[in-house]
Amino acid sequence: MNIPCFGLLSPRLKAKWRSYASDHRGLAAVEFAMVAVPFFFLIFGLLEVCIIFIVSTVLEHAVSEASRQIRTGQAQESGFNEQNFRQTVCDKLLDMIDCDAKLYIDVKALNGFSETAIDLPIDGSGNFDDTGFDYKPGGPNDIVAVRVFYEWHLLTPIISAPLANLAGSRRLLQANAVFRNEPFGD
């Protein structure tokens, strides 16, 4: 081992340095410390993506099941309002999502399928904007768009910052259902 200015050290320091340099105890701990940060970064990021995927899938299923009552006319004939629809969605969420103020529902009857809103309701500062949301399930043969949004707080905000699409380390999850109501009430 050639170290600059090694020749300037006393023989006793040279011997001490050689014994220190040839000692391999703790090498595995040092190597693990070098690899641990990227490894855990990758693991926690992967877990966050998996959780978001699972919650999104459960939300999609809940919206699909709850929308069936609008599509068949059961909701209209039994006088469902937004709170009843919200409760129906929440009952299907398997307690994975708290049905609190972070769950937003928009149900609108449309004139055609091309009127379906596909953009995310996020304002310029990265906050959710629910202006214009309503609950109008329409009548028989109407085209209806059901959009449900949920503000998911990221579990690992620093690691999963690229996943955030809202300000404050939050991700906006969205589930949609667009359909033509059945000819109910006849």
Protein backbone atom coordinates (compact mmCIF):
# COMPACT_ATOMS: atom_id res chain seq x y z
CA MET A 1 0.00 0.00 0.00
CA ASN A 2 1.58 3.26 -1.14
CA ILE A 3 0.36 6.32 0.69
CA PRO A 4 1.85 9.76 -0.02
CA CYS A 5 3.98 11.06 2.83
CA PHE A 6 4.01 7.52 4.31
CA GLY A 7 7.78 7.79 4.34
CA LEU A 8 7.57 10.72 6.77
CA LEU A 9 5.95 8.59 9.49
CA SER A 10 7.91 6.90 12.23
CA PRO A 11 8.33 3.11 12.01
CA ARG A 12 5.90 2.63 14.90
CA LEU A 13 3.17 4.66 13.14
CA LYS A 14 3.90 2.77 9.90
CA ALA A 15 3.31 -0.54 11.65
CA LYS A 16 0.12 0.77 13.27
CA TRP A 17 -1.16 2.03 9.90
CA ARG A 18 -0.40 -1.28 8.17
CA SER A 19 -2.25 -3.27 10.84
CA TYR A 20 -5.19 -0.88 10.58
CA ALA A 21 -5.25 -1.06 6.77
CA SER A 22 -5.11 -4.87 6.73
CA ASP A 23 -7.91 -5.27 9.31
CA HIS A 24 -11.14 -6.40 7.55
CA ARG A 25 -13.40 -6.66 10.59
CA GLY A 26 -16.54 -4.64 10.14
CA LEU A 27 -16.18 -4.57 6.37
CA ALA A 28 -19.65 -6.07 5.89
CA ALA A 29 -21.17 -3.40 8.13
CA VAL A 30 -19.50 -0.64 6.13
CA GLU A 31 -20.64 -2.16 2.83
CA PHE A 32 -24.19 -2.54 4.16
CA ALA A 33 -24.19 1.09 5.30
CA MET A 34 -23.25 2.13 1.76
CA VAL A 35 -25.99 0.01 0.17
CA ALA A 36 -28.71 0.40 2.86
CA VAL A 37 -29.92 3.88 1.94
CA PRO A 38 -30.63 3.14 -1.75
CA PHE A 39 -32.02 -0.28 -0.82
CA PHE A 40 -34.53 1.09 1.70
CA PHE A 41 -35.34 3.97 -0.64
CA LEU A 42 -36.28 1.45 -3.30
CA ILE A 43 -38.24 -0.82 -0.92
CA PHE A 44 -40.30 1.99 0.65
CA GLY A 45 -40.96 3.59 -2.74
CA LEU A 46 -42.14 0.24 -4.10
CA LEU A 47 -44.43 -0.28 -1.10
CA GLU A 48 -45.92 3.19 -1.57
CA VAL A 49 -46.66 2.50 -5.23
CA CYS A 50 -48.24 -0.85 -4.32
CA ILE A 51 -50.45 0.72 -1.65
CA ILE A 52 -51.60 3.45 -4.04
CA PHE A 53 -52.40 0.84 -6.69
CA ILE A 54 -54.41 -1.28 -4.24
CA VAL A 55 -56.34 1.69 -2.85
CA SER A 56 -57.06 2.96 -6.38
CA THR A 57 -58.36 -0.45 -7.40
CA VAL A 58 -60.61 -0.69 -4.34
CA LEU A 59 -61.91 2.84 -5.04
CA GLU A 60 -62.65 1.91 -8.67
CA HIS A 61 -64.59 -1.14 -7.53
CA ALA A 62 -66.56 0.87 -4.95
CA VAL A 63 -67.52 3.48 -7.54
CA SER A 64 -68.52 0.80 -10.03
CA GLU A 65 -70.74 -0.95 -7.48
CA ALA A 66 -72.32 2.25 -6.16
CA SER A 67 -72.91 3.57 -9.68
CA ARG A 68 -74.93 0.48 -10.49
CA GLN A 69 -77.74 1.88 -8.32
CA ILE A 70 -77.81 5.06 -10.40
CA ARG A 71 -77.59 3.15 -13.69
CA THR A 72 -80.54 0.90 -12.81
CA GLY A 73 -82.64 3.74 -11.36
CA GLN A 74 -82.69 2.38 -7.81
CA ALA A 75 -81.02 5.54 -6.51
CA GLN A 76 -83.45 7.87 -8.24
CA GLU A 77 -86.56 5.91 -7.27
CA SER A 78 -85.54 5.60 -3.61
CA GLY A 79 -84.59 9.29 -3.30
CA PHE A 80 -80.82 8.85 -2.94
CA ASN A 81 -78.91 12.05 -2.29
CA GLU A 82 -75.17 12.66 -2.25
CA GLN A 83 -74.84 11.46 1.36
CA ASN A 84 -76.58 8.16 0.54
CA PHE A 85 -74.33 7.68 -2.48
CA ARG A 86 -71.25 8.54 -0.39
CA GLN A 87 -72.28 5.96 2.20
CA THR A 88 -72.77 3.34 -0.51
CA VAL A 89 -69.27 4.06 -1.83
CA CYS A 90 -67.81 4.01 1.68
CA ASP A 91 -69.45 0.67 2.48
CA LYS A 92 -67.54 -0.89 -0.43
CA LEU A 93 -64.11 0.52 0.50
CA LEU A 94 -63.19 -2.28 2.94
CA ASP A 95 -62.15 0.29 5.57
CA MET A 96 -59.07 1.13 3.48
CA ILE A 97 -60.09 4.77 3.09
CA ASP A 98 -61.61 7.04 5.70
CA CYS A 99 -64.77 8.50 4.27
CA ASP A 100 -64.21 11.95 5.61
CA ALA A 101 -63.78 15.36 4.04
CA LYS A 102 -61.10 14.00 1.66
CA LEU A 103 -63.63 12.03 -0.43
CA TYR A 104 -65.26 14.12 -3.18
CA ILE A 105 -68.16 13.02 -5.36
CA ASP A 106 -69.30 14.50 -8.67
CA VAL A 107 -72.33 12.96 -10.42
CA LYS A 108 -73.69 14.71 -13.50
CA ALA A 109 -76.11 13.92 -16.28
CA LEU A 110 -74.57 14.80 -19.65
CA ASN A 111 -75.88 15.50 -23.14
CA GLY A 112 -73.34 13.16 -24.71
CA PHE A 113 -70.36 10.97 -23.95
CA SER A 114 -68.02 13.62 -25.38
CA GLU A 115 -68.91 16.02 -22.53
CA THR A 116 -67.22 13.82 -19.96
CA ALA A 117 -64.66 15.80 -17.94
CA ILE A 118 -61.32 14.02 -17.98
CA ASP A 119 -59.07 16.65 -16.42
CA LEU A 120 -58.01 16.59 -12.78
CA PRO A 121 -59.61 19.34 -10.70
CA ILE A 122 -56.36 20.78 -9.37
CA ASP A 123 -55.87 24.54 -9.17
CA GLY A 124 -52.69 26.41 -10.04
CA SER A 125 -51.24 26.14 -6.52
CA GLY A 126 -51.61 22.34 -6.43
CA ASN A 127 -54.75 22.14 -4.30
CA PHE A 128 -57.94 20.24 -5.02
CA ASP A 129 -60.72 22.39 -6.50
CA ASP A 130 -64.23 20.95 -6.14
CA THR A 131 -66.11 23.94 -7.51
CA GLY A 132 -68.81 22.83 -9.89
CA PHE A 133 -69.25 19.41 -8.27
CA ASP A 134 -72.85 18.30 -7.99
CA TYR A 135 -75.06 15.27 -7.51
CA LYS A 136 -77.50 14.95 -10.42
CA PRO A 137 -77.97 11.28 -11.34
CA GLY A 138 -80.29 11.98 -14.26
CA GLY A 139 -83.32 10.09 -15.46
CA PRO A 140 -84.02 7.11 -17.70
CA ASN A 141 -81.67 6.78 -20.71
CA ASP A 142 -79.55 9.76 -19.57
CA ILE A 143 -75.79 9.63 -19.92
CA VAL A 144 -74.25 10.00 -16.47
CA ALA A 145 -70.66 10.61 -15.39
CA VAL A 146 -69.68 9.61 -11.87
CA ARG A 147 -66.33 10.88 -10.65
CA VAL A 148 -65.01 10.17 -7.18
CA PHE A 149 -61.78 11.70 -5.89
CA TYR A 150 -59.82 11.01 -2.75
CA GLU A 151 -56.87 12.95 -1.34
CA TRP A 152 -54.34 10.31 -0.30
CA HIS A 153 -51.61 11.46 2.05
CA LEU A 154 -48.38 9.77 1.02
CA LEU A 155 -46.90 7.57 3.72
CA THR A 156 -43.30 8.34 2.82
CA PRO A 157 -43.45 11.95 1.61
CA ILE A 158 -39.74 12.42 0.92
CA ILE A 159 -39.25 9.12 -0.88
CA SER A 160 -42.50 9.24 -2.84
CA ALA A 161 -42.43 12.94 -3.74
CA PRO A 162 -42.56 12.10 -7.48
CA LEU A 163 -45.94 10.42 -6.87
CA ALA A 164 -47.53 13.58 -5.42
CA ASN A 165 -49.83 15.51 -7.73
CA LEU A 166 -51.22 17.78 -4.98
CA ALA A 167 -49.43 20.22 -2.71
CA GLY A 168 -48.39 18.94 0.70
CA SER A 169 -47.24 15.41 -0.25
CA ARG A 170 -50.69 14.26 -1.34
CA ARG A 171 -51.85 12.23 -4.31
CA LEU A 172 -55.28 12.67 -5.84
CA LEU A 173 -56.84 9.28 -6.53
CA GLN A 174 -59.67 9.19 -9.04
CA ALA A 175 -62.31 6.65 -10.00
CA ASN A 176 -64.77 7.16 -12.87
CA ALA A 177 -67.85 5.55 -14.27
CA VAL A 178 -69.59 6.85 -17.38
CA PHE A 179 -72.72 5.08 -18.57
CA ARG A 180 -76.20 5.44 -19.99
CA ASN A 181 -78.96 4.91 -17.47
CA GLU A 182 -81.30 2.02 -18.12
CA PRO A 183 -84.88 2.79 -19.14
CA PHE A 184 -86.18 2.45 -15.60
CA GLY A 185 -89.58 3.57 -14.38
CA ASP A 186 -91.54 2.12 -17.28
